[in-house]
């Protein structure tokens, strides 16, 4: 399926992340994988073009859970690109007929590797308030591993184990606790966001990042920031402070809701702290 060569990098392009949509592209060995499709098919195409990435290389779409900000464009994209949809059994069941004319589905069993083109996928159950949400770990043919931990609920021991020994990590930093309290959201909404099945706060994400940090972790992308209850600066400050006392020497990026981040190579050397384009 792939046309790459040994030594090809594992490339990550975050096409966008936040409460209004999430999608990222992984490339290795001549194959590409779209993880989540939370934008319209037209918007996915626009974002891929803006990032200079080719949708013709996409071999599959992998979903972390069924919520619309992760699945909005999946049916049309799968049909247009003629690629299967990989997801947990519960996610596939929850989507049901919404997958429309997607050419096929592949269930991801809990904690077991599944081959997908140049990649191997492992889905680890997590605590978000969806049917069967997962943390996704994607491994390329060179053994480099990227974790996608968005909409993960709360910092459980299982979440920490799923995020160990990674070369790259896309990590939810949804809200700042102080901004959430003053957000104007109804008490029930605030409780859901901060609760067991909700979203990670900056401080929870920072503690998790420090727990799993090691010298080989080359990039951490802070993702799924709330428009109302967070800022890129607050998320970056919390996580960079927590990582300062660890062996981590890689790049910290903050994903933007509206535009793709520059493509980065996962597993390549030390980098720098960075805010999204347009927010410097």
Protein backbone atom coordinates (compact mmCIF):
# COMPACT_ATOMS: atom_id res chain seq x y z
CA UNK A 1 0.00 0.00 0.00
CA UNK A 2 2.81 2.44 0.88
CA UNK A 3 5.45 3.72 -1.52
CA UNK A 4 7.90 5.12 1.03
CA UNK A 5 11.32 3.98 2.06
CA UNK A 6 12.79 2.90 5.39
CA UNK A 7 13.79 5.99 7.29
CA UNK A 8 10.89 8.10 5.98
CA UNK A 9 9.73 10.41 8.77
CA UNK A 10 6.46 10.10 10.63
CA UNK A 11 4.79 13.41 9.79
CA UNK A 12 2.01 15.05 11.78
CA UNK A 13 -0.24 17.84 10.50
CA UNK A 14 -2.92 19.07 12.91
CA UNK A 15 -5.57 20.39 10.52
CA UNK A 16 -7.49 22.06 13.34
CA UNK A 17 -8.58 21.39 16.91
CA UNK A 18 -11.12 22.88 19.28
CA UNK A 19 -14.76 22.75 20.30
CA UNK A 20 -15.91 23.39 16.70
CA UNK A 21 -13.95 20.64 14.96
CA UNK A 22 -10.94 18.33 15.13
CA UNK A 23 -8.84 16.52 12.55
CA UNK A 24 -5.20 15.59 12.09
CA UNK A 25 -3.18 13.88 9.37
CA UNK A 26 -0.38 11.36 9.86
CA UNK A 27 1.96 10.36 7.03
CA UNK A 28 4.54 7.55 6.86
CA UNK A 29 5.81 5.12 4.25
CA UNK A 30 3.84 6.76 1.46
CA UNK A 31 0.51 6.35 3.28
CA UNK A 32 -1.57 8.91 5.16
CA UNK A 33 -4.15 8.48 7.89
CA UNK A 34 -6.82 10.99 8.88
CA UNK A 35 -7.53 10.85 12.61
CA UNK A 36 -11.00 12.33 13.24
CA UNK A 37 -12.96 14.27 10.61
CA UNK A 38 -14.72 16.93 12.62
CA UNK A 39 -15.02 19.47 9.79
CA UNK A 40 -17.24 19.44 6.72
CA UNK A 41 -15.86 17.61 3.69
CA UNK A 42 -15.28 20.95 1.96
CA UNK A 43 -13.45 22.34 5.01
CA UNK A 44 -11.31 19.20 5.30
CA UNK A 45 -10.28 19.71 1.68
CA UNK A 46 -9.51 23.37 2.28
CA UNK A 47 -7.39 22.58 5.31
CA UNK A 48 -5.47 19.80 3.54
CA UNK A 49 -4.77 22.17 0.64
CA UNK A 50 -3.67 24.96 3.01
CA UNK A 51 -1.25 22.52 4.64
CA UNK A 52 0.04 21.29 1.28
CA UNK A 53 -1.07 17.72 1.99
CA UNK A 54 -2.49 15.30 -0.59
CA UNK A 55 -5.82 13.59 0.25
CA UNK A 56 -4.98 10.99 -2.40
CA UNK A 57 -2.52 9.41 0.04
CA UNK A 58 -5.18 8.87 2.74
CA UNK A 59 -5.78 5.14 3.26
CA UNK A 60 -8.29 5.31 6.13
CA UNK A 61 -10.12 7.59 8.54
CA UNK A 62 -9.78 6.69 12.23
CA UNK A 63 -12.23 8.07 14.80
CA UNK A 64 -11.67 8.56 18.53
CA UNK A 65 -15.44 8.80 19.27
CA UNK A 66 -18.75 9.74 17.66
CA UNK A 67 -19.26 13.37 18.69
CA UNK A 68 -19.88 15.74 15.78
CA UNK A 69 -16.76 17.85 16.34
CA UNK A 70 -14.79 14.68 15.51
CA UNK A 71 -17.02 13.07 12.86
CA UNK A 72 -18.83 15.85 10.95
CA UNK A 73 -17.21 15.13 7.57
CA UNK A 74 -16.46 11.42 7.91
CA UNK A 75 -19.24 9.97 5.74
CA UNK A 76 -18.64 12.23 2.74
CA UNK A 77 -14.86 12.04 3.05
CA UNK A 78 -14.79 8.24 3.29
CA UNK A 79 -17.08 7.96 0.28
CA UNK A 80 -15.18 10.53 -1.79
CA UNK A 81 -11.77 9.08 -1.01
CA UNK A 82 -13.02 5.48 -1.04
CA UNK A 83 -11.39 4.63 2.28
CA UNK A 84 -12.61 2.59 5.27
CA UNK A 85 -13.49 4.01 8.68
CA UNK A 86 -11.72 2.54 11.72
CA UNK A 87 -13.29 3.07 15.16
CA UNK A 88 -14.21 1.26 18.35
CA UNK A 89 -17.22 -1.07 18.24
CA UNK A 90 -19.30 1.35 20.32
CA UNK A 91 -18.38 4.34 18.16
CA UNK A 92 -19.34 2.50 14.96
CA UNK A 93 -22.64 1.44 16.55
CA UNK A 94 -23.37 4.98 17.75
CA UNK A 95 -22.78 6.40 14.27
CA UNK A 96 -24.83 3.67 12.59
CA UNK A 97 -26.43 4.89 9.37
CA UNK A 98 -24.69 8.28 9.71
CA UNK A 99 -21.69 6.68 8.02
CA UNK A 100 -23.79 6.64 4.85
CA UNK A 101 -21.97 5.30 1.81
CA UNK A 102 -18.56 4.88 3.46
CA UNK A 103 -16.96 1.92 1.66
CA UNK A 104 -16.38 -0.09 4.84
CA UNK A 105 -15.81 -0.06 8.57
CA UNK A 106 -13.16 -1.78 10.68
CA UNK A 107 -13.75 -2.23 14.42
CA UNK A 108 -10.81 -1.46 16.72
CA UNK A 109 -10.70 -3.92 19.63
CA UNK A 110 -9.59 -2.52 22.99
CA UNK A 111 -5.82 -2.48 23.52
CA UNK A 112 -4.97 -4.70 20.52
CA UNK A 113 -2.95 -3.63 17.50
CA UNK A 114 -4.65 -3.46 14.12
CA UNK A 115 -2.73 -2.99 10.85
CA UNK A 116 -3.74 -0.10 8.59
CA UNK A 117 -1.50 0.57 5.59
CA UNK A 118 1.90 1.73 6.82
CA UNK A 119 0.53 2.05 10.37
CA UNK A 120 -0.50 -0.04 13.34
CA UNK A 121 -3.37 1.28 15.46
CA UNK A 122 -4.10 0.61 19.12
CA UNK A 123 -7.24 1.99 20.77
CA UNK A 124 -7.29 2.36 24.56
CA UNK A 125 -10.66 2.95 26.28
CA UNK A 126 -10.98 6.29 28.05
CA UNK A 127 -13.50 8.10 30.26
CA UNK A 128 -15.14 10.75 28.05
CA UNK A 129 -18.96 10.95 27.96
CA UNK A 130 -19.35 9.20 24.59
CA UNK A 131 -20.43 5.68 23.62
CA UNK A 132 -16.99 4.04 23.46
CA UNK A 133 -14.26 6.72 23.33
CA UNK A 134 -10.59 5.85 22.93
CA UNK A 135 -7.08 7.21 23.18
CA UNK A 136 -5.47 6.28 19.89
CA UNK A 137 -1.81 5.25 19.53
CA UNK A 138 -0.51 5.13 15.96
CA UNK A 139 2.79 3.39 15.20
CA UNK A 140 4.68 3.55 11.92
CA UNK A 141 6.94 0.94 10.33
CA UNK A 142 10.00 2.39 12.06
CA UNK A 143 8.40 1.94 15.49
CA UNK A 144 7.68 5.63 16.11
CA UNK A 145 4.54 6.11 18.16
CA UNK A 146 2.12 9.04 18.33
CA UNK A 147 -0.70 9.24 20.85
CA UNK A 148 -3.95 11.16 20.31
CA UNK A 149 -5.54 11.90 23.67
CA UNK A 150 -8.42 14.33 23.08
CA UNK A 151 -11.80 14.21 24.84
CA UNK A 152 -10.40 11.86 27.46
CA UNK A 153 -12.50 12.77 30.48
CA UNK A 154 -10.17 12.68 33.44
CA UNK A 155 -6.55 11.76 34.27
CA UNK A 156 -6.98 8.08 35.06
CA UNK A 157 -4.17 5.56 35.55
CA UNK A 158 -5.25 3.92 32.28
CA UNK A 159 -4.79 7.22 30.44
CA UNK A 160 -1.27 7.55 31.82
CA UNK A 161 -0.40 4.03 30.69
CA UNK A 162 -1.78 4.66 27.18
CA UNK A 163 0.43 7.75 26.84
CA UNK A 164 3.72 6.15 27.90
CA UNK A 165 6.75 5.63 25.64
CA UNK A 166 5.49 7.89 22.86
CA UNK A 167 7.50 9.87 20.33
CA UNK A 168 4.69 12.40 19.94
CA UNK A 169 1.53 13.28 21.86
CA UNK A 170 -1.56 15.27 20.90
CA UNK A 171 -3.00 16.15 24.30
CA UNK A 172 -6.25 17.80 25.31
CA UNK A 173 -5.79 21.05 27.25
CA UNK A 174 -9.43 22.06 27.22
CA UNK A 175 -9.87 24.61 29.96
CA UNK A 176 -8.34 26.75 32.66
CA UNK A 177 -10.13 26.08 35.94
CA UNK A 178 -10.47 29.77 36.85
CA UNK A 179 -11.83 30.74 33.42
CA UNK A 180 -14.26 27.81 33.53
CA UNK A 181 -15.66 28.97 36.89
CA UNK A 182 -16.19 32.49 35.52
CA UNK A 183 -17.35 31.38 32.08
CA UNK A 184 -21.06 32.01 32.53
CA UNK A 185 -21.86 28.40 31.64
CA UNK A 186 -24.70 26.88 33.73
CA UNK A 187 -23.50 24.94 36.76
CA UNK A 188 -24.48 21.61 35.17
CA UNK A 189 -22.38 22.36 32.07
CA UNK A 190 -19.39 23.42 34.18
CA UNK A 191 -19.72 20.22 36.21
CA UNK A 192 -19.84 18.10 33.05
CA UNK A 193 -16.75 19.75 31.56
CA UNK A 194 -14.75 19.36 34.77
CA UNK A 195 -16.17 15.95 35.68
CA UNK A 196 -15.00 12.37 35.17
CA UNK A 197 -16.45 12.17 31.65
CA UNK A 198 -15.61 15.68 30.55
CA UNK A 199 -12.37 17.32 29.46
CA UNK A 200 -8.85 17.73 30.84
CA UNK A 201 -7.93 21.08 32.36
CA UNK A 202 -4.58 22.73 31.70
CA UNK A 203 -3.25 21.60 35.08
CA UNK A 204 -4.45 18.01 34.59
CA UNK A 205 -2.90 17.88 31.12
CA UNK A 206 0.32 19.39 32.45
CA UNK A 207 0.57 16.77 35.18
CA UNK A 208 -0.05 13.99 32.65
CA UNK A 209 2.56 15.41 30.25
CA UNK A 210 5.13 15.52 33.05
CA UNK A 211 4.26 11.96 34.08
CA UNK A 212 4.87 10.53 30.60
CA UNK A 213 7.72 12.84 29.53
CA UNK A 214 11.04 11.31 28.47
CA UNK A 215 13.99 12.30 26.32
CA UNK A 216 12.53 10.62 23.21
CA UNK A 217 9.24 12.54 23.30
CA UNK A 218 9.86 14.95 20.43
CA UNK A 219 6.59 16.86 20.16
CA UNK A 220 3.56 17.64 22.33
CA UNK A 221 0.59 19.35 20.67
CA UNK A 222 -1.89 21.03 23.01
CA UNK A 223 -5.34 20.48 21.53
CA UNK A 224 -9.09 20.99 21.93
CA UNK A 225 -8.76 24.36 23.67
CA UNK A 226 -12.07 25.92 24.69
CA UNK A 227 -12.77 29.28 23.04
CA UNK A 228 -14.43 30.58 26.20
CA UNK A 229 -12.51 28.85 28.99
CA UNK A 230 -8.88 28.84 27.83
CA UNK A 231 -6.18 30.73 25.94
CA UNK A 232 -3.13 29.43 24.06
CA UNK A 233 -0.85 31.31 26.48
CA UNK A 234 -2.41 29.73 29.58
CA UNK A 235 -2.23 26.22 28.13
CA UNK A 236 1.36 26.68 26.96
CA UNK A 237 2.48 28.15 30.29
CA UNK A 238 0.95 25.32 32.32
CA UNK A 239 2.42 22.51 30.24
CA UNK A 240 5.83 24.08 29.61
CA UNK A 241 6.24 24.72 33.35
CA UNK A 242 5.39 21.10 34.13
CA UNK A 243 7.78 19.77 31.48
CA UNK A 244 10.66 22.05 32.50
CA UNK A 245 11.69 19.69 35.29
CA UNK A 246 11.66 16.56 33.12
CA UNK A 247 13.90 15.00 30.47
CA UNK A 248 11.67 16.47 27.72
CA UNK A 249 13.59 18.61 25.21
CA UNK A 250 11.12 18.58 22.35
CA UNK A 251 8.64 20.97 20.75
CA UNK A 252 5.39 22.16 22.33
CA UNK A 253 2.80 23.40 19.85
CA UNK A 254 -0.67 24.82 20.48
CA UNK A 255 -3.27 23.74 17.93
CA UNK A 256 -5.50 26.36 16.34
CA UNK A 257 -9.22 25.94 15.70
CA UNK A 258 -9.18 27.83 12.44
CA UNK A 259 -5.96 26.94 10.59
CA UNK A 260 -3.61 23.95 10.27
CA UNK A 261 -0.35 23.88 12.18
CA UNK A 262 2.85 23.51 10.18
CA UNK A 263 3.70 19.85 9.50
CA UNK A 264 6.19 18.42 12.01
CA UNK A 265 8.34 15.29 12.00
CA UNK A 266 7.65 13.07 15.01
CA UNK A 267 10.74 11.56 16.60
CA UNK A 268 13.20 14.12 15.32
CA UNK A 269 15.35 15.88 17.87
CA UNK A 270 14.81 18.80 20.24
CA UNK A 271 12.72 21.78 19.24
CA UNK A 272 11.06 24.82 20.77
CA UNK A 273 7.92 26.20 22.30
CA UNK A 274 5.46 27.56 19.79
CA UNK A 275 2.05 29.21 19.58
CA UNK A 276 -0.20 28.69 16.56
CA UNK A 277 0.19 30.89 13.51
CA UNK A 278 -1.50 34.25 13.94
CA UNK A 279 -1.37 34.10 17.74
CA UNK A 280 2.24 35.04 18.38
